Amino acid sequence: MTETIKKQIEAIRRSGETNMLDVNMVQWIANRKRYYELVVYLEEHREEYTQYLLTGKAEVQKPETEPQEPNATEPKIDPKKTEANLSALFDELVPARGKAGTVAGEIVRAISRIGYRNYNDGDHIGVGYGRETCNAAARYLAKNAGEKAAKDISDIWGVYDDTRYDALLEVLEADVLTYLETHPELKSVPNHEDMFDYTDKYEDVDNGDDGDDEEDW
């Protein structure tokens, strides 16, 4: 359990919105508040979460600091390679219309939509028309593509600057691809969700009229 997750738990506890032992409701509130690290944590560490509530004790990682510059031993992101690999997965797993048949396919569908909307239309997650075109896909990834993707979504959400957004999106795409490569079984796990199920009708709106809101992927 990280310090960030502890702070998110305590913020929900202080709000008094729910019994903290109602894990499903806590997870729903965390998703609404964009506490995506906590959303993923509750999916994977429910026993530790309950222990923390009952005893106040849990294994806590050292406090998070500001992101450090990558050192020479860390692999560098190759955006072209990432794009090529995601494109190949898209061709393999994503249907022409509608949700994918597997969890891996829907993850690819979601990250591909975010990339497409940025590189072709300049849409940003959580910004302007990007609220309508990208937010649902981002929430789906935060829930289903691992802890790193959840952190990346938190970092990129609401970023206006194009250069910074592009850099953060490259990181998100690389982390999503890595998650898929390290979880090949997801290609065989049946998918029962549509990324658009994660739309928030109150938050995902923009006053502008850019049209073309009938896309199916």
Protein backbone atom coordinates (compact mmCIF):
# COMPACT_ATOMS: atom_id res chain seq x y z
CA MET A 1 0.00 0.00 0.00
CA THR A 2 1.50 3.32 -1.05
CA GLU A 3 1.13 6.64 0.73
CA THR A 4 -1.01 7.86 -2.17
CA ILE A 5 -3.48 5.00 -1.66
CA LYS A 6 -3.59 5.66 2.10
CA LYS A 7 -4.41 9.32 1.44
CA GLN A 8 -7.15 8.36 -1.02
CA ILE A 9 -8.68 5.91 1.47
CA GLU A 10 -8.66 8.52 4.21
CA ALA A 11 -10.20 11.15 1.92
CA ILE A 12 -13.14 8.84 1.21
CA ARG A 13 -13.40 7.91 4.91
CA ARG A 14 -13.58 11.59 5.88
CA SER A 15 -16.30 12.24 3.31
CA GLY A 16 -18.65 9.92 5.21
CA GLU A 17 -20.27 8.81 1.95
CA THR A 18 -20.20 5.09 2.68
CA ASN A 19 -19.30 2.33 5.09
CA MET A 20 -15.63 1.76 4.30
CA LEU A 21 -16.13 -2.02 4.48
CA ASP A 22 -18.44 -1.78 1.47
CA VAL A 23 -15.54 -2.27 -0.93
CA ASN A 24 -17.62 -2.04 -4.09
CA MET A 25 -19.03 1.35 -3.07
CA VAL A 26 -15.59 2.61 -2.01
CA GLN A 27 -14.26 1.55 -5.40
CA TRP A 28 -17.14 3.32 -7.16
CA ILE A 29 -16.46 6.54 -5.21
CA ALA A 30 -12.73 6.24 -5.95
CA ASN A 31 -13.47 5.94 -9.67
CA ARG A 32 -15.75 8.97 -9.53
CA LYS A 33 -13.06 11.00 -7.78
CA ARG A 34 -10.44 9.73 -10.27
CA TYR A 35 -8.48 7.95 -7.51
CA TYR A 36 -7.40 5.39 -10.08
CA GLU A 37 -4.53 4.01 -8.01
CA LEU A 38 -7.08 3.09 -5.32
CA VAL A 39 -9.48 1.61 -7.88
CA VAL A 40 -6.81 -0.82 -9.07
CA TYR A 41 -5.57 -1.48 -5.52
CA LEU A 42 -9.04 -2.50 -4.33
CA GLU A 43 -9.33 -4.87 -7.28
CA GLU A 44 -6.09 -6.65 -6.38
CA HIS A 45 -5.55 -6.24 -2.61
CA ARG A 46 -8.91 -6.47 -0.83
CA GLU A 47 -7.59 -8.48 2.11
CA GLU A 48 -4.84 -5.97 2.80
CA TYR A 49 -7.37 -3.14 2.51
CA THR A 50 -9.66 -4.79 5.09
CA GLN A 51 -6.70 -5.37 7.40
CA TYR A 52 -5.82 -1.69 7.14
CA LEU A 53 -9.36 -0.65 8.04
CA LEU A 54 -9.56 -2.97 11.03
CA THR A 55 -6.05 -2.59 12.44
CA GLY A 56 -4.61 0.54 10.87
CA LYS A 57 -1.68 -1.55 9.71
CA ALA A 58 -0.58 -2.43 6.20
CA GLU A 59 2.69 -2.78 4.38
CA VAL A 60 3.41 0.79 3.29
CA GLN A 61 5.90 1.55 0.58
CA LYS A 62 8.17 4.54 1.06
CA PRO A 63 6.56 7.92 0.28
CA GLU A 64 6.33 8.84 -3.34
CA THR A 65 8.47 11.74 -4.57
CA GLU A 66 8.44 13.87 -7.63
CA PRO A 67 9.19 11.86 -10.79
CA GLN A 68 12.91 11.43 -11.28
CA GLU A 69 14.78 11.63 -14.52
CA PRO A 70 15.17 8.13 -15.98
CA ASN A 71 18.63 6.68 -15.45
CA ALA A 72 20.78 5.14 -18.10
CA THR A 73 19.77 1.58 -17.17
CA GLU A 74 16.05 2.14 -17.76
CA PRO A 75 14.75 1.17 -21.20
CA LYS A 76 13.80 4.11 -23.35
CA ILE A 77 10.43 4.33 -25.05
CA ASP A 78 10.42 3.81 -28.80
CA PRO A 79 7.13 5.48 -29.88
CA LYS A 80 7.28 4.06 -33.41
CA LYS A 81 7.75 0.52 -32.14
CA THR A 82 4.97 0.97 -29.60
CA GLU A 83 2.63 2.28 -32.29
CA ALA A 84 3.49 -0.58 -34.64
CA ASN A 85 2.91 -3.22 -31.96
CA LEU A 86 -0.39 -1.68 -30.86
CA SER A 87 -1.49 -1.43 -34.49
CA ALA A 88 -0.76 -5.13 -35.00
CA LEU A 89 -2.75 -6.00 -31.87
CA PHE A 90 -5.60 -3.78 -33.06
CA ASP A 91 -5.77 -5.65 -36.38
CA GLU A 92 -5.70 -8.97 -34.52
CA LEU A 93 -8.12 -8.28 -31.67
CA VAL A 94 -10.46 -5.37 -32.41
CA PRO A 95 -13.58 -5.80 -34.57
CA ALA A 96 -14.67 -3.27 -37.18
CA ARG A 97 -17.54 -2.16 -34.94
CA GLY A 98 -18.51 -2.57 -31.31
CA LYS A 99 -16.69 -3.92 -28.30
CA ALA A 100 -13.91 -6.48 -28.58
CA GLY A 101 -14.45 -10.13 -27.80
CA THR A 102 -11.57 -10.34 -25.32
CA VAL A 103 -10.28 -8.16 -22.48
CA ALA A 104 -6.99 -7.63 -24.35
CA GLY A 105 -8.93 -6.50 -27.39
CA GLU A 106 -10.96 -3.96 -25.45
CA ILE A 107 -7.80 -2.60 -23.81
CA VAL A 108 -6.26 -2.17 -27.28
CA ARG A 109 -9.49 -0.58 -28.52
CA ALA A 110 -9.44 1.93 -25.65
CA ILE A 111 -5.79 3.00 -25.96
CA SER A 112 -6.13 3.17 -29.75
CA ARG A 113 -9.10 5.49 -29.47
CA ILE A 114 -7.21 7.84 -27.15
CA GLY A 115 -4.23 7.89 -29.51
CA TYR A 116 -6.39 8.36 -32.60
CA ARG A 117 -8.32 11.26 -31.09
CA ASN A 118 -5.10 13.00 -30.10
CA TYR A 119 -3.07 12.53 -33.25
CA ASN A 120 -5.96 13.20 -35.65
CA ASP A 121 -8.17 15.67 -33.78
CA GLY A 122 -6.05 17.07 -30.95
CA ASP A 123 -8.42 15.75 -28.26
CA HIS A 124 -7.02 15.49 -24.73
CA ILE A 125 -8.37 13.35 -21.91
CA GLY A 126 -10.37 15.54 -19.54
CA VAL A 127 -10.11 18.66 -21.71
CA GLY A 128 -12.81 20.24 -23.91
CA TYR A 129 -14.24 17.89 -26.50
CA GLY A 130 -11.79 15.26 -25.31
CA ARG A 131 -14.11 14.77 -22.34
CA GLU A 132 -16.64 13.29 -24.72
CA THR A 133 -14.25 11.37 -26.96
CA CYS A 134 -11.57 10.11 -24.55
CA ASN A 135 -12.71 10.08 -20.92
CA ALA A 136 -14.61 6.79 -21.03
CA ALA A 137 -11.69 4.99 -22.68
CA ALA A 138 -9.30 6.46 -20.10
CA ARG A 139 -11.46 5.25 -17.20
CA TYR A 140 -11.63 1.78 -18.76
CA LEU A 141 -7.83 1.62 -19.00
CA ALA A 142 -7.38 2.89 -15.45
CA LYS A 143 -9.56 0.03 -14.25
CA ASN A 144 -8.33 -2.76 -16.51
CA ALA A 145 -4.77 -2.11 -17.74
CA GLY A 146 -2.75 -2.30 -14.52
CA GLU A 147 -1.35 0.03 -11.89
CA LYS A 148 1.10 1.84 -14.16
CA ALA A 149 -1.66 2.71 -16.62
CA ALA A 150 -3.83 3.93 -13.76
CA LYS A 151 -1.01 6.23 -12.62
CA ASP A 152 -0.42 7.40 -16.19
CA ILE A 153 -4.11 8.26 -16.60
CA SER A 154 -3.99 10.27 -13.39
CA ASP A 155 -0.95 12.16 -14.69
CA ILE A 156 -2.33 12.91 -18.16
CA TRP A 157 -5.90 13.80 -17.18
CA GLY A 158 -6.67 17.47 -17.85
CA VAL A 159 -3.29 18.35 -19.39
CA TYR A 160 -3.76 21.17 -21.93
CA ASP A 161 -0.22 21.60 -23.27
CA ASP A 162 0.17 19.59 -26.49
CA THR A 163 3.86 18.81 -26.06
CA ARG A 164 3.46 17.56 -22.50
CA TYR A 165 0.31 15.63 -23.38
CA ASP A 166 2.06 13.89 -26.29
CA ALA A 167 4.96 12.87 -24.01
CA LEU A 168 2.62 11.52 -21.34
CA LEU A 169 0.58 9.66 -23.95
CA GLU A 170 3.72 7.93 -25.21
CA VAL A 171 4.34 6.69 -21.67
CA LEU A 172 0.73 5.53 -21.31
CA GLU A 173 0.82 3.66 -24.63
CA ALA A 174 4.11 1.97 -23.72
CA ASP A 175 2.84 0.92 -20.29
CA VAL A 176 -0.40 -0.45 -21.73
CA LEU A 177 1.57 -2.43 -24.33
CA THR A 178 3.88 -3.81 -21.62
CA TYR A 179 0.85 -4.83 -19.55
CA LEU A 180 -0.60 -6.72 -22.50
CA GLU A 181 2.73 -8.39 -23.27
CA THR A 182 3.11 -9.55 -19.67
CA HIS A 183 -0.51 -10.76 -19.49
CA PRO A 184 -0.92 -12.77 -22.72
CA GLU A 185 -3.79 -14.69 -21.13
CA LEU A 186 -5.99 -11.61 -21.62
CA LYS A 187 -6.19 -12.51 -25.31
CA SER A 188 -8.30 -15.48 -24.24
CA VAL A 189 -10.36 -13.88 -21.45
CA PRO A 190 -13.90 -13.13 -22.73
CA ASN A 191 -14.82 -9.46 -22.56
CA HIS A 192 -18.21 -8.42 -21.20
CA GLU A 193 -17.64 -4.66 -21.01
CA ASP A 194 -17.67 -1.83 -23.51
CA MET A 195 -15.28 1.03 -22.83
CA PHE A 196 -18.21 3.40 -23.39
CA ASP A 197 -19.88 1.84 -20.32
CA TYR A 198 -17.43 4.05 -18.39
CA THR A 199 -18.99 7.28 -19.67
CA ASP A 200 -20.02 9.80 -17.01
CA LYS A 201 -22.98 11.69 -18.47
CA TYR A 202 -22.35 14.65 -16.15
CA GLU A 203 -18.58 15.02 -16.54
CA ASP A 204 -18.01 13.92 -20.12
CA VAL A 205 -19.54 16.91 -21.85
CA ASP A 206 -18.24 19.93 -23.74
CA ASN A 207 -20.09 23.05 -24.81
CA GLY A 208 -18.42 23.08 -28.23
CA ASP A 209 -19.88 21.32 -31.24
CA ASP A 210 -17.22 19.35 -33.07
CA GLY A 211 -19.64 16.81 -34.44
CA ASP A 212 -18.74 13.19 -35.23
CA ASP A 213 -19.90 11.80 -31.90
CA GLU A 214 -21.31 8.64 -33.42
CA GLU A 215 -18.06 6.70 -33.64
CA ASP A 216 -18.25 3.09 -32.52
CA TRP A 217 -14.64 2.56 -31.55
